[in-house]
C-alpha atoms as a PDB file:
ATOM      1  CA  MET A   1       0.306  34.393   6.351  1.00  0.00           C
ATOM      2  CA  LYS A   2       0.272  32.676   2.563  1.00  0.00           C
ATOM      3  CA  ASN A   3      -1.254  32.596  -0.543  1.00  0.00           C
ATOM      4  CA  LYS A   4      -4.189  35.282   1.014  1.00  0.00           C
ATOM      5  CA  LYS A   5      -5.743  38.147  -0.219  1.00  0.00           C
ATOM      6  CA  ILE A   6      -5.573  41.119   1.796  1.00  0.00           C
ATOM      7  CA  ILE A   7      -7.395  44.566   1.308  1.00  0.00           C
ATOM      8  CA  LEU A   8      -5.505  47.881   2.381  1.00  0.00           C
ATOM      9  CA  ALA A   9      -8.502  50.329   2.112  1.00  0.00           C
ATOM     10  CA  GLY A  10      -6.512  54.062   2.246  1.00  0.00           C
ATOM     11  CA  GLY A  11      -2.903  51.884   1.839  1.00  0.00           C
ATOM     12  CA  THR A  12      -0.751  54.433   0.180  1.00  0.00           C
ATOM     13  CA  GLY A  13       0.457  56.196   2.787  1.00  0.00           C
ATOM     14  CA  PHE A  14       3.507  55.461   5.406  1.00  0.00           C
ATOM     15  CA  ILE A  15       1.992  52.429   7.072  1.00  0.00           C
ATOM     16  CA  GLY A  16      -0.100  50.821   4.093  1.00  0.00           C
ATOM     17  CA  GLN A  17       3.653  50.714   2.192  1.00  0.00           C
ATOM     18  CA  GLU A  18       4.984  49.130   4.795  1.00  0.00           C
ATOM     19  CA  MET A  19       2.142  46.338   5.253  1.00  0.00           C
ATOM     20  CA  THR A  20       2.151  45.950   1.322  1.00  0.00           C
ATOM     21  CA  LYS A  21       5.883  45.250   2.107  1.00  0.00           C
ATOM     22  CA  TYR A  22       5.501  42.875   4.374  1.00  0.00           C
ATOM     23  CA  PHE A  23       2.306  40.587   2.924  1.00  0.00           C
ATOM     24  CA  GLY A  24       2.896  41.317  -0.540  1.00  0.00           C
ATOM     25  CA  LYS A  25       5.700  39.049  -0.311  1.00  0.00           C
ATOM     26  CA  GLU A  26       3.329  35.986  -0.088  1.00  0.00           C
ATOM     27  CA  ASN A  27      -0.022  37.523  -0.537  1.00  0.00           C
ATOM     28  CA  LYS A  28      -2.559  39.361  -2.839  1.00  0.00           C
ATOM     29  CA  ILE A  29      -2.486  43.112  -1.932  1.00  0.00           C
ATOM     30  CA  VAL A  30      -5.761  44.733  -2.932  1.00  0.00           C
ATOM     31  CA  ILE A  31      -5.405  48.671  -2.332  1.00  0.00           C
ATOM     32  CA  LEU A  32      -8.227  51.330  -2.111  1.00  0.00           C
ATOM     33  CA  THR A  33      -7.059  54.630  -3.100  1.00  0.00           C
ATOM     34  CA  ARG A  34      -8.938  57.794  -4.149  1.00  0.00           C
ATOM     35  CA  GLN A  35      -6.471  58.327  -7.313  1.00  0.00           C
ATOM     36  CA  VAL A  36      -5.454  54.913  -8.317  1.00  0.00           C
ATOM     37  CA  ASN A  37      -2.255  56.234 -10.438  1.00  0.00           C
ATOM     38  CA  GLU A  38      -1.137  57.459  -6.742  1.00  0.00           C
ATOM     39  CA  ARG A  39       1.620  55.231  -6.314  1.00  0.00           C
ATOM     40  CA  THR A  40       3.109  56.501  -9.432  1.00  0.00           C
ATOM     41  CA  ASN A  41       4.227  60.576  -7.570  1.00  0.00           C
ATOM     42  CA  ARG A  42       5.483  58.746  -4.509  1.00  0.00           C
ATOM     43  CA  ASN A  43       9.451  59.292  -5.252  1.00  0.00           C
ATOM     44  CA  ASP A  44      11.053  59.337  -1.779  1.00  0.00           C
ATOM     45  CA  TYR A  45      13.520  56.455  -0.437  1.00  0.00           C
ATOM     46  CA  ASN A  46      10.488  54.473   0.989  1.00  0.00           C
ATOM     47  CA  SER A  47       8.724  54.416  -1.929  1.00  0.00           C
ATOM     48  CA  LEU A  48       7.330  50.716  -3.461  1.00  0.00           C
ATOM     49  CA  THR A  49       9.487  48.988  -5.828  1.00  0.00           C
ATOM     50  CA  ALA A  50       8.629  47.129  -8.872  1.00  0.00           C
ATOM     51  CA  ASN A  51       9.433  44.242  -6.680  1.00  0.00           C
ATOM     52  CA  ASP A  52       6.988  45.083  -3.941  1.00  0.00           C
ATOM     53  CA  LEU A  53       3.981  45.703  -6.295  1.00  0.00           C
ATOM     54  CA  LYS A  54       4.602  42.394  -8.079  1.00  0.00           C
ATOM     55  CA  ASN A  55       1.516  41.020  -6.311  1.00  0.00           C
ATOM     56  CA  VAL A  56      -0.592  44.625  -5.618  1.00  0.00           C
ATOM     57  CA  THR A  57      -3.254  45.810  -7.518  1.00  0.00           C
ATOM     58  CA  TYR A  58      -4.929  49.181  -7.318  1.00  0.00           C
ATOM     59  CA  GLU A  59      -8.611  49.840  -7.260  1.00  0.00           C
ATOM     60  CA  LYS A  60     -10.423  53.286  -6.864  1.00  0.00           C
ATOM     61  CA  TRP A  61     -12.787  54.118  -4.449  1.00  0.00           C
ATOM     62  CA  ASP A  62     -14.301  57.464  -3.185  1.00  0.00           C
ATOM     63  CA  GLY A  63     -14.048  56.633   0.364  1.00  0.00           C
ATOM     64  CA  LYS A  64     -17.945  57.303   1.230  1.00  0.00           C
ATOM     65  CA  THR A  65     -19.528  55.429  -1.582  1.00  0.00           C
ATOM     66  CA  THR A  66     -19.708  51.194  -2.885  1.00  0.00           C
ATOM     67  CA  GLY A  67     -18.715  50.459  -6.060  1.00  0.00           C
ATOM     68  CA  ASP A  68     -16.963  48.060  -8.481  1.00  0.00           C
ATOM     69  CA  TRP A  69     -14.613  47.667  -5.546  1.00  0.00           C
ATOM     70  CA  ILE A  70     -16.690  45.386  -3.092  1.00  0.00           C
ATOM     71  CA  ASN A  71     -16.432  42.207  -5.617  1.00  0.00           C
ATOM     72  CA  GLU A  72     -12.613  42.414  -4.028  1.00  0.00           C
ATOM     73  CA  LEU A  73     -13.822  42.053  -0.608  1.00  0.00           C
ATOM     74  CA  ASN A  74     -15.366  38.584  -1.674  1.00  0.00           C
ATOM     75  CA  ASP A  75     -12.970  35.668  -0.328  1.00  0.00           C
ATOM     76  CA  ALA A  76     -10.317  38.337   1.236  1.00  0.00           C
ATOM     77  CA  ALA A  77      -8.910  36.791   4.247  1.00  0.00           C
ATOM     78  CA  LEU A  78      -8.630  40.452   5.504  1.00  0.00           C
ATOM     79  CA  VAL A  79      -9.336  44.074   5.525  1.00  0.00           C
ATOM     80  CA  ILE A  80      -7.516  46.428   6.939  1.00  0.00           C
ATOM     81  CA  ASN A  81      -9.066  50.171   6.869  1.00  0.00           C
ATOM     82  CA  LEU A  82      -6.259  52.646   7.394  1.00  0.00           C
ATOM     83  CA  ALA A  83      -8.419  55.322   5.709  1.00  0.00           C
ATOM     84  CA  GLY A  84      -8.548  58.861   7.159  1.00  0.00           C
ATOM     85  CA  LYS A  85      -7.465  62.731   6.998  1.00  0.00           C
ATOM     86  CA  SER A  86      -4.651  63.297   8.916  1.00  0.00           C
ATOM     87  CA  VAL A  87      -4.692  64.820  11.720  1.00  0.00           C
ATOM     88  CA  ASN A  88      -1.320  66.761  11.208  1.00  0.00           C
ATOM     89  CA  CYS A  89      -2.887  69.701  10.721  1.00  0.00           C
ATOM     90  CA  ARG A  90      -4.669  73.560  12.195  1.00  0.00           C
ATOM     91  CA  TYR A  91      -7.979  72.180  13.817  1.00  0.00           C
ATOM     92  CA  ASN A  92     -10.235  75.148  12.011  1.00  0.00           C
ATOM     93  CA  GLU A  93     -13.918  73.840  11.421  1.00  0.00           C
ATOM     94  CA  LYS A  94     -13.410  72.678   8.275  1.00  0.00           C
ATOM     95  CA  ASN A  95     -10.498  70.327   8.957  1.00  0.00           C
ATOM     96  CA  LYS A  96     -12.010  68.933  12.028  1.00  0.00           C
ATOM     97  CA  ASN A  97     -15.001  68.054  10.005  1.00  0.00           C
ATOM     98  CA  GLU A  98     -12.994  66.411   7.167  1.00  0.00           C
ATOM     99  CA  ILE A  99     -10.893  65.007   9.813  1.00  0.00           C
ATOM    100  CA  PHE A 100     -14.260  63.072  11.227  1.00  0.00           C
ATOM    101  CA  ASP A 101     -15.630  62.654   7.917  1.00  0.00           C
ATOM    102  CA  SER A 102     -12.990  60.821   5.829  1.00  0.00           C
ATOM    103  CA  ARG A 103     -12.893  58.346   8.998  1.00  0.00           C
ATOM    104  CA  THR A 104     -16.639  57.861   9.657  1.00  0.00           C
ATOM    105  CA  ASP A 105     -17.664  57.791   5.638  1.00  0.00           C
ATOM    106  CA  ALA A 106     -14.877  55.079   5.039  1.00  0.00           C
ATOM    107  CA  VAL A 107     -16.101  52.605   7.590  1.00  0.00           C
ATOM    108  CA  LYS A 108     -20.107  52.815   6.543  1.00  0.00           C
ATOM    109  CA  ALA A 109     -18.575  52.330   2.766  1.00  0.00           C
ATOM    110  CA  ILE A 110     -16.465  49.098   4.228  1.00  0.00           C
ATOM    111  CA  GLY A 111     -19.183  48.099   6.438  1.00  0.00           C
ATOM    112  CA  GLU A 112     -22.160  48.270   3.431  1.00  0.00           C
ATOM    113  CA  ALA A 113     -19.692  46.683   1.083  1.00  0.00           C
ATOM    114  CA  ILE A 114     -19.070  43.483   3.639  1.00  0.00           C
ATOM    115  CA  ASN A 115     -22.770  42.810   3.902  1.00  0.00           C
ATOM    116  CA  LYS A 116     -23.428  42.697   0.136  1.00  0.00           C
ATOM    117  CA  CYS A 117     -20.166  40.415  -0.139  1.00  0.00           C
ATOM    118  CA  ASN A 118     -21.331  36.710  -0.975  1.00  0.00           C
ATOM    119  CA  ARG A 119     -18.188  35.106   0.715  1.00  0.00           C
ATOM    120  CA  PRO A 120     -17.326  38.020   3.078  1.00  0.00           C
ATOM    121  CA  PRO A 121     -13.786  38.674   4.498  1.00  0.00           C
ATOM    122  CA  SER A 122     -13.087  36.615   7.488  1.00  0.00           C
ATOM    123  CA  LEU A 123     -11.130  39.564   9.054  1.00  0.00           C
ATOM    124  CA  TRP A 124     -11.676  43.721   9.177  1.00  0.00           C
ATOM    125  CA  ILE A 125      -9.074  45.369  11.448  1.00  0.00           C
ATOM    126  CA  ASN A 126      -9.640  49.026  11.632  1.00  0.00           C
ATOM    127  CA  SER A 127      -7.020  51.459  12.551  1.00  0.00           C
ATOM    128  CA  SER A 128      -7.528  53.782  15.860  1.00  0.00           C
ATOM    129  CA  SER A 129      -5.684  55.918  17.450  1.00  0.00           C
ATOM    130  CA  ALA A 130      -3.729  55.575  20.891  1.00  0.00           C
ATOM    131  CA  THR A 131      -4.049  59.349  21.342  1.00  0.00           C
ATOM    132  CA  ILE A 132      -7.841  58.386  22.369  1.00  0.00           C
ATOM    133  CA  TYR A 133      -6.793  58.361  26.202  1.00  0.00           C
ATOM    134  CA  ARG A 134      -6.320  61.377  28.292  1.00  0.00           C
ATOM    135  CA  HIS A 135      -2.884  63.173  28.717  1.00  0.00           C
ATOM    136  CA  ALA A 136      -1.389  60.953  31.074  1.00  0.00           C
ATOM    137  CA  MET A 137       1.392  61.809  33.466  1.00  0.00           C
ATOM    138  CA  ASP A 138       0.716  59.779  36.508  1.00  0.00           C
ATOM    139  CA  ARG A 139       0.471  56.116  35.194  1.00  0.00           C
ATOM    140  CA  PRO A 140      -0.386  54.140  31.888  1.00  0.00           C
ATOM    141  CA  GLN A 141      -3.019  53.673  30.129  1.00  0.00           C
ATOM    142  CA  ASP A 142      -4.271  50.427  29.022  1.00  0.00           C
ATOM    143  CA  GLU A 143      -7.795  48.674  27.341  1.00  0.00           C
ATOM    144  CA  TYR A 144      -9.167  48.021  31.165  1.00  0.00           C
ATOM    145  CA  THR A 145      -7.869  51.188  33.153  1.00  0.00           C
ATOM    146  CA  GLY A 146      -7.327  53.520  30.120  1.00  0.00           C
ATOM    147  CA  GLU A 147      -9.582  56.904  31.002  1.00  0.00           C
ATOM    148  CA  PHE A 148     -10.580  59.476  27.975  1.00  0.00           C
ATOM    149  CA  HIS A 149     -10.943  62.970  28.033  1.00  0.00           C
ATOM    150  CA  ASP A 150     -13.248  65.216  25.819  1.00  0.00           C
ATOM    151  CA  ASP A 151     -10.549  67.175  23.720  1.00  0.00           C
ATOM    152  CA  PHE A 152     -11.019  66.786  19.897  1.00  0.00           C
ATOM    153  CA  SER A 153      -8.406  63.847  18.895  1.00  0.00           C
ATOM    154  CA  VAL A 154     -10.207  62.096  21.767  1.00  0.00           C
ATOM    155  CA  GLN A 155     -13.514  62.632  20.111  1.00  0.00           C
ATOM    156  CA  VAL A 156     -12.511  61.676  16.467  1.00  0.00           C
ATOM    157  CA  CYS A 157     -11.007  58.474  17.931  1.00  0.00           C
ATOM    158  CA  LYS A 158     -14.312  57.778  19.746  1.00  0.00           C
ATOM    159  CA  ARG A 159     -16.645  58.373  16.742  1.00  0.00           C
ATOM    160  CA  TRP A 160     -14.904  56.706  14.794  1.00  0.00           C
ATOM    161  CA  GLU A 161     -14.716  53.113  17.091  1.00  0.00           C
ATOM    162  CA  LYS A 162     -18.433  53.510  17.837  1.00  0.00           C
ATOM    163  CA  THR A 163     -19.045  53.809  13.703  1.00  0.00           C
ATOM    164  CA  PHE A 164     -16.907  50.816  13.552  1.00  0.00           C
ATOM    165  CA  TYR A 165     -18.745  48.390  16.047  1.00  0.00           C
ATOM    166  CA  ASP A 166     -21.797  50.228  14.591  1.00  0.00           C
ATOM    167  CA  GLN A 167     -21.565  47.971  11.525  1.00  0.00           C
ATOM    168  CA  LEU A 168     -22.940  44.356  11.871  1.00  0.00           C
ATOM    169  CA  THR A 169     -20.718  42.245   9.923  1.00  0.00           C
ATOM    170  CA  THR A 170     -21.951  38.769  11.666  1.00  0.00           C
ATOM    171  CA  GLN A 171     -19.980  36.615   9.189  1.00  0.00           C
ATOM    172  CA  THR A 172     -16.802  38.863   9.123  1.00  0.00           C
ATOM    173  CA  ARG A 173     -14.746  39.289  12.916  1.00  0.00           C
ATOM    174  CA  LYS A 174     -13.642  42.792  13.926  1.00  0.00           C
ATOM    175  CA  VAL A 175     -10.825  44.373  15.767  1.00  0.00           C
ATOM    176  CA  ALA A 176      -9.948  47.645  16.537  1.00  0.00           C
ATOM    177  CA  LEU A 177      -6.245  48.599  16.791  1.00  0.00           C
ATOM    178  CA  ARG A 178      -5.173  51.799  18.906  1.00  0.00           C
ATOM    179  CA  MET A 179      -2.009  52.465  16.974  1.00  0.00           C
ATOM    180  CA  ALA A 180       0.886  54.518  19.004  1.00  0.00           C
ATOM    181  CA  ILE A 181       3.408  56.814  17.174  1.00  0.00           C
ATOM    182  CA  THR A 182       4.418  53.981  14.374  1.00  0.00           C
ATOM    183  CA  LEU A 183       8.027  53.903  13.390  1.00  0.00           C
ATOM    184  CA  GLY A 184       9.664  53.331  10.538  1.00  0.00           C
ATOM    185  CA  PRO A 185      11.952  54.339   7.682  1.00  0.00           C
ATOM    186  CA  GLY A 186       9.621  57.226   6.768  1.00  0.00           C
ATOM    187  CA  GLY A 187       6.131  58.621   7.725  1.00  0.00           C
ATOM    188  CA  ILE A 188       6.888  60.464  11.443  1.00  0.00           C
ATOM    189  CA  LEU A 189      10.651  60.188  10.989  1.00  0.00           C
ATOM    190  CA  ILE A 190      10.855  62.522   8.071  1.00  0.00           C
ATOM    191  CA  PRO A 191      10.299  65.819   9.780  1.00  0.00           C
ATOM    192  CA  TYR A 192      12.484  64.532  12.855  1.00  0.00           C
ATOM    193  CA  PHE A 193      15.077  63.627  10.378  1.00  0.00           C
ATOM    194  CA  ASN A 194      14.846  67.640   8.992  1.00  0.00           C
ATOM    195  CA  LEU A 195      15.146  69.055  12.387  1.00  0.00           C
ATOM    196  CA  LEU A 196      18.408  66.688  13.203  1.00  0.00           C
ATOM    197  CA  LYS A 197      20.160  67.915   9.534  1.00  0.00           C
ATOM    198  CA  PHE A 198      20.119  71.667  11.467  1.00  0.00           C
ATOM    199  CA  GLY A 199      21.010  70.880  15.016  1.00  0.00           C
ATOM    200  CA  LEU A 200      17.510  70.933  16.205  1.00  0.00           C
ATOM    201  CA  GLY A 201      16.763  67.432  17.235  1.00  0.00           C
ATOM    202  CA  GLY A 202      16.427  68.554  21.221  1.00  0.00           C
ATOM    203  CA  LYS A 203      13.408  67.668  23.550  1.00  0.00           C
ATOM    204  CA  GLN A 204      10.182  69.790  23.013  1.00  0.00           C
ATOM    205  CA  ALA A 205       8.805  71.633  25.710  1.00  0.00           C
ATOM    206  CA  SER A 206       9.616  69.723  29.042  1.00  0.00           C
ATOM    207  CA  GLY A 207      10.547  66.960  27.327  1.00  0.00           C
ATOM    208  CA  LYS A 208       8.702  64.779  30.414  1.00  0.00           C
ATOM    209  CA  GLN A 209       5.555  64.558  27.988  1.00  0.00           C
ATOM    210  CA  MET A 210       5.944  60.231  27.345  1.00  0.00           C
ATOM    211  CA  TYR A 211       5.852  59.017  23.554  1.00  0.00           C
ATOM    212  CA  SER A 212       4.176  55.757  22.959  1.00  0.00           C
ATOM    213  CA  TRP A 213       6.034  54.081  19.630  1.00  0.00           C
ATOM    214  CA  VAL A 214       5.473  50.878  18.144  1.00  0.00           C
ATOM    215  CA  HIS A 215       8.140  49.680  15.327  1.00  0.00           C
ATOM    216  CA  ILE A 216       6.122  49.115  11.880  1.00  0.00           C
ATOM    217  CA  GLU A 217       6.851  45.440  11.593  1.00  0.00           C
ATOM    218  CA  ASP A 218       5.624  44.522  15.039  1.00  0.00           C
ATOM    219  CA  THR A 219       2.512  46.355  13.852  1.00  0.00           C
ATOM    220  CA  CYS A 220       2.421  44.003  10.841  1.00  0.00           C
ATOM    221  CA  ARG A 221       3.280  41.106  13.238  1.00  0.00           C
ATOM    222  CA  MET A 222       0.475  41.817  15.401  1.00  0.00           C
ATOM    223  CA  ILE A 223      -2.076  42.051  12.816  1.00  0.00           C
ATOM    224  CA  GLU A 224      -0.766  38.575  12.013  1.00  0.00           C
ATOM    225  CA  TRP A 225      -1.432  37.294  15.180  1.00  0.00           C
ATOM    226  CA  ILE A 226      -4.679  38.273  15.424  1.00  0.00           C
ATOM    227  CA  TYR A 227      -5.632  36.703  11.843  1.00  0.00           C
ATOM    228  CA  ASP A 228      -3.754  33.671  13.125  1.00  0.00           C
ATOM    229  CA  HIS A 229      -5.987  33.804  16.292  1.00  0.00           C
ATOM    230  CA  LYS A 230      -9.390  33.416  15.700  1.00  0.00           C
ATOM    231  CA  GLU A 231     -10.808  33.995  19.153  1.00  0.00           C
ATOM    232  CA  ILE A 232      -9.390  37.461  19.292  1.00  0.00           C
ATOM    233  CA  ASN A 233     -11.902  40.700  19.036  1.00  0.00           C
ATOM    234  CA  GLY A 234     -12.488  43.877  19.751  1.00  0.00           C
ATOM    235  CA  THR A 235     -10.022  46.722  21.052  1.00  0.00           C
ATOM    236  CA  TYR A 236      -6.326  46.533  21.410  1.00  0.00           C
ATOM    237  CA  ASN A 237      -3.725  48.914  21.878  1.00  0.00           C
ATOM    238  CA  SER A 238      -0.844  48.557  19.279  1.00  0.00           C
ATOM    239  CA  SER A 239       2.053  50.021  21.279  1.00  0.00           C
ATOM    240  CA  SER A 240       5.557  49.113  22.229  1.00  0.00           C
ATOM    241  CA  PRO A 241       5.113  48.123  26.587  1.00  0.00           C
ATOM    242  CA  ASN A 242       7.924  50.643  26.772  1.00  0.00           C
ATOM    243  CA  PRO A 243       6.913  54.155  25.992  1.00  0.00           C
ATOM    244  CA  VAL A 244       9.479  56.418  26.614  1.00  0.00           C
ATOM    245  CA  THR A 245       9.620  60.649  27.482  1.00  0.00           C
ATOM    246  CA  ASN A 246       9.816  62.551  25.006  1.00  0.00           C
ATOM    247  CA  GLU A 247      12.859  63.576  25.862  1.00  0.00           C
ATOM    248  CA  GLU A 248      14.885  60.014  25.745  1.00  0.00           C
ATOM    249  CA  PHE A 249      13.408  59.348  22.586  1.00  0.00           C
ATOM    250  CA  MET A 250      15.141  62.644  20.885  1.00  0.00           C
ATOM    251  CA  ARG A 251      18.192  61.390  22.828  1.00  0.00           C
ATOM    252  CA  THR A 252      18.176  57.960  21.578  1.00  0.00           C
ATOM    253  CA  PHE A 253      17.264  59.428  18.367  1.00  0.00           C
ATOM    254  CA  ARG A 254      20.503  61.510  17.896  1.00  0.00           C
ATOM    255  CA  LYS A 255      22.822  58.822  19.372  1.00  0.00           C
ATOM    256  CA  VAL A 256      21.779  56.214  16.569  1.00  0.00           C
ATOM    257  CA  THR A 257      21.893  58.771  14.044  1.00  0.00           C
ATOM    258  CA  GLY A 258      25.127  59.827  15.155  1.00  0.00           C
ATOM    259  CA  HIS A 259      23.914  63.610  16.250  1.00  0.00           C
ATOM    260  CA  ILE A 260      25.463  64.977  19.420  1.00  0.00           C
ATOM    261  CA  ILE A 261      24.032  67.920  19.455  1.00  0.00           C
ATOM    262  CA  GLY A 262      20.396  68.753  19.797  1.00  0.00           C
ATOM    263  CA  LEU A 263      18.974  72.108  20.494  1.00  0.00           C
ATOM    264  CA  PRO A 264      15.749  71.902  22.612  1.00  0.00           C
ATOM    265  CA  ALA A 265      12.519  73.389  21.277  1.00  0.00           C
ATOM    266  CA  TYR A 266      10.982  75.442  24.440  1.00  0.00           C
ATOM    267  CA  LYS A 267       7.139  75.950  24.322  1.00  0.00           C
ATOM    268  CA  TRP A 268       7.598  79.534  23.828  1.00  0.00           C
ATOM    269  CA  MET A 269       9.023  78.046  20.095  1.00  0.00           C
ATOM    270  CA  LEU A 270       6.405  75.658  19.677  1.00  0.00           C
ATOM    271  CA  GLN A 271       3.373  78.117  20.152  1.00  0.00           C
ATOM    272  CA  ILE A 272       5.278  80.465  17.475  1.00  0.00           C
ATOM    273  CA  GLY A 273       6.064  77.735  14.935  1.00  0.00           C
ATOM    274  CA  ALA A 274       3.003  75.226  15.066  1.00  0.00           C
ATOM    275  CA  PRO A 275       0.158  77.769  13.075  1.00  0.00           C
ATOM    276  CA  ILE A 276       3.406  78.503  10.878  1.00  0.00           C
ATOM    277  CA  ILE A 277       3.489  74.891   9.793  1.00  0.00           C
ATOM    278  CA  GLY A 278       0.196  74.027   9.778  1.00  0.00           C
ATOM    279  CA  THR A 279      -0.414  71.825  12.930  1.00  0.00           C
ATOM    280  CA  GLU A 280      -1.376  71.745  16.499  1.00  0.00           C
ATOM    281  CA  LEU A 281       0.451  72.018  19.162  1.00  0.00           C
ATOM    282  CA  GLU A 282      -1.274  69.160  21.103  1.00  0.00           C
ATOM    283  CA  LEU A 283       0.828  66.661  18.529  1.00  0.00           C
ATOM    284  CA  VAL A 284       3.788  67.793  20.370  1.00  0.00           C
ATOM    285  CA  LEU A 285       2.696  68.132  23.962  1.00  0.00           C
ATOM    286  CA  LYS A 286       0.339  65.631  24.741  1.00  0.00           C
ATOM    287  CA  SER A 287       1.540  62.963  26.999  1.00  0.00           C
ATOM    288  CA  ARG A 288       0.439  59.288  25.538  1.00  0.00           C
ATOM    289  CA  TRP A 289       1.582  56.771  28.052  1.00  0.00           C
ATOM    290  CA  VAL A 290      -0.143  53.730  26.595  1.00  0.00           C
ATOM    291  CA  ILE A 291       0.876  50.110  27.314  1.00  0.00           C
ATOM    292  CA  PRO A 292      -0.432  47.028  25.009  1.00  0.00           C
ATOM    293  CA  THR A 293      -1.746  44.709  28.108  1.00  0.00           C
ATOM    294  CA  LYS A 294      -4.310  43.042  25.952  1.00  0.00           C
ATOM    295  CA  ILE A 295      -1.985  41.864  23.134  1.00  0.00           C
ATOM    296  CA  LEU A 296       0.587  40.542  25.708  1.00  0.00           C
ATOM    297  CA  GLU A 297      -2.240  38.823  27.561  1.00  0.00           C
ATOM    298  CA  THR A 298      -2.913  36.472  24.058  1.00  0.00           C
ATOM    299  CA  GLY A 299       0.553  35.317  24.302  1.00  0.00           C
ATOM    300  CA  PHE A 300       2.084  38.191  21.290  1.00  0.00           C
ATOM    301  CA  GLN A 301       5.854  38.934  21.694  1.00  0.00           C
ATOM    302  CA  PHE A 302       7.177  42.140  20.351  1.00  0.00           C
ATOM    303  CA  LYS A 303      10.121  41.451  18.505  1.00  0.00           C
ATOM    304  CA  HIS A 304      11.056  45.036  18.858  1.00  0.00           C
ATOM    305  CA  PRO A 305       9.984  46.362  22.526  1.00  0.00           C
ATOM    306  CA  LEU A 306      12.711  48.449  23.171  1.00  0.00           C
ATOM    307  CA  LEU A 307      13.488  51.924  21.410  1.00  0.00           C
ATOM    308  CA  GLU A 308      17.076  51.855  20.808  1.00  0.00           C
ATOM    309  CA  LYS A 309      17.218  48.260  19.143  1.00  0.00           C
ATOM    310  CA  ALA A 310      14.335  49.388  17.281  1.00  0.00           C
ATOM    311  CA  MET A 311      15.267  52.662  16.388  1.00  0.00           C
ATOM    312  CA  SER A 312      18.924  51.230  15.070  1.00  0.00           C
ATOM    313  CA  ASP A 313      17.061  48.396  12.869  1.00  0.00           C
ATOM    314  CA  ILE A 314      14.863  51.375  11.438  1.00  0.00           C
ATOM    315  CA  ILE A 315      17.782  53.694  10.614  1.00  0.00           C
ATOM    316  CA  SER A 316      19.823  50.685   8.652  1.00  0.00           C
ATOM    317  CA  LYS A 317      17.381  50.783   6.345  1.00  0.00           C
ATOM    318  CA  VAL A 318      17.523  54.803   5.764  1.00  0.00           C
ATOM    319  CA  PRO A 319      20.384  56.297   3.389  1.00  0.00           C
ATOM    320  CA  ARG A 320      22.737  58.799   5.510  1.00  0.00           C
ATOM    321  CA  LYS A 321      21.562  61.462   3.567  1.00  0.00           C
ATOM    322  CA  GLN A 322      18.090  61.503   4.812  1.00  0.00           C
ATOM    323  CA  TYR A 323      19.233  62.630   8.326  1.00  0.00           C
ATOM    324  CA  HIS A 324      22.871  64.453   7.669  1.00  0.00           C
ATOM    325  CA  LEU A 325      23.851  67.367   6.043  1.00  0.00           C
ATOM    326  CA  PHE A 326      26.539  65.786   4.005  1.00  0.00           C
END
């Protein structure tokens, strides 16, 4: 993609930053954010540089209602919606409601804004999650044969996608991307780096639960592919075709970062630790065995299909101090 206008809703987090770096080199990026000055508060190694920001503007929105920001959607090639409260929290009623509402409210606002445009965007890609599929230890889940149970994370994804497809945007093509755990030089790897520093980079619980992942560059490449292939619409898994077990993931992570020791975290440890750090045990123990059947059928090829090579590429972009004490 070149010389296009791309709207990133909720684009100040890790995935949004990486998409800004990828697409911002040759396109205009408009980031919709609740706090326009939020970008100045990100001072870790993954923050956007002045060069990254040369084609970027920020527009304030509340994630609920339309406003002046809808003018930016006119003539946009692509809207990518990443907005939603993180699920990395305790599932009390307050947080549950915020997780639901932050997703559905943002989708409704974007849908309303698109319908107010004289020249609406060509494509709307809405993030979803590969955790919509059931805990799977027996077989992989794809877009055709995947099964859903009714735990909280599945309910979130189902409501999210239903709200997305309920928006009638007759002139704007729509694709929902069910994202697996997205790997890059930040995001989910930050807590893993902290574990490594203290020799705790071993398997979690049995280590047999499946770990579906995708390199952030392949997520961006997939979005570009979808934009270029006008026949693509509907729901697609954004995940590597080669998921691994939790144990294999941690072993590979230690190998590429040069850590020999990795003490395991037994289930009883996780049960004690999850409430202390404010997260849910499900996020570690659920077996996510997801494969990207539909996007492969379109001819898309992954640049980083294998974990070790993907992880090596990512670690090459991370300062050593992030994952070593010395």
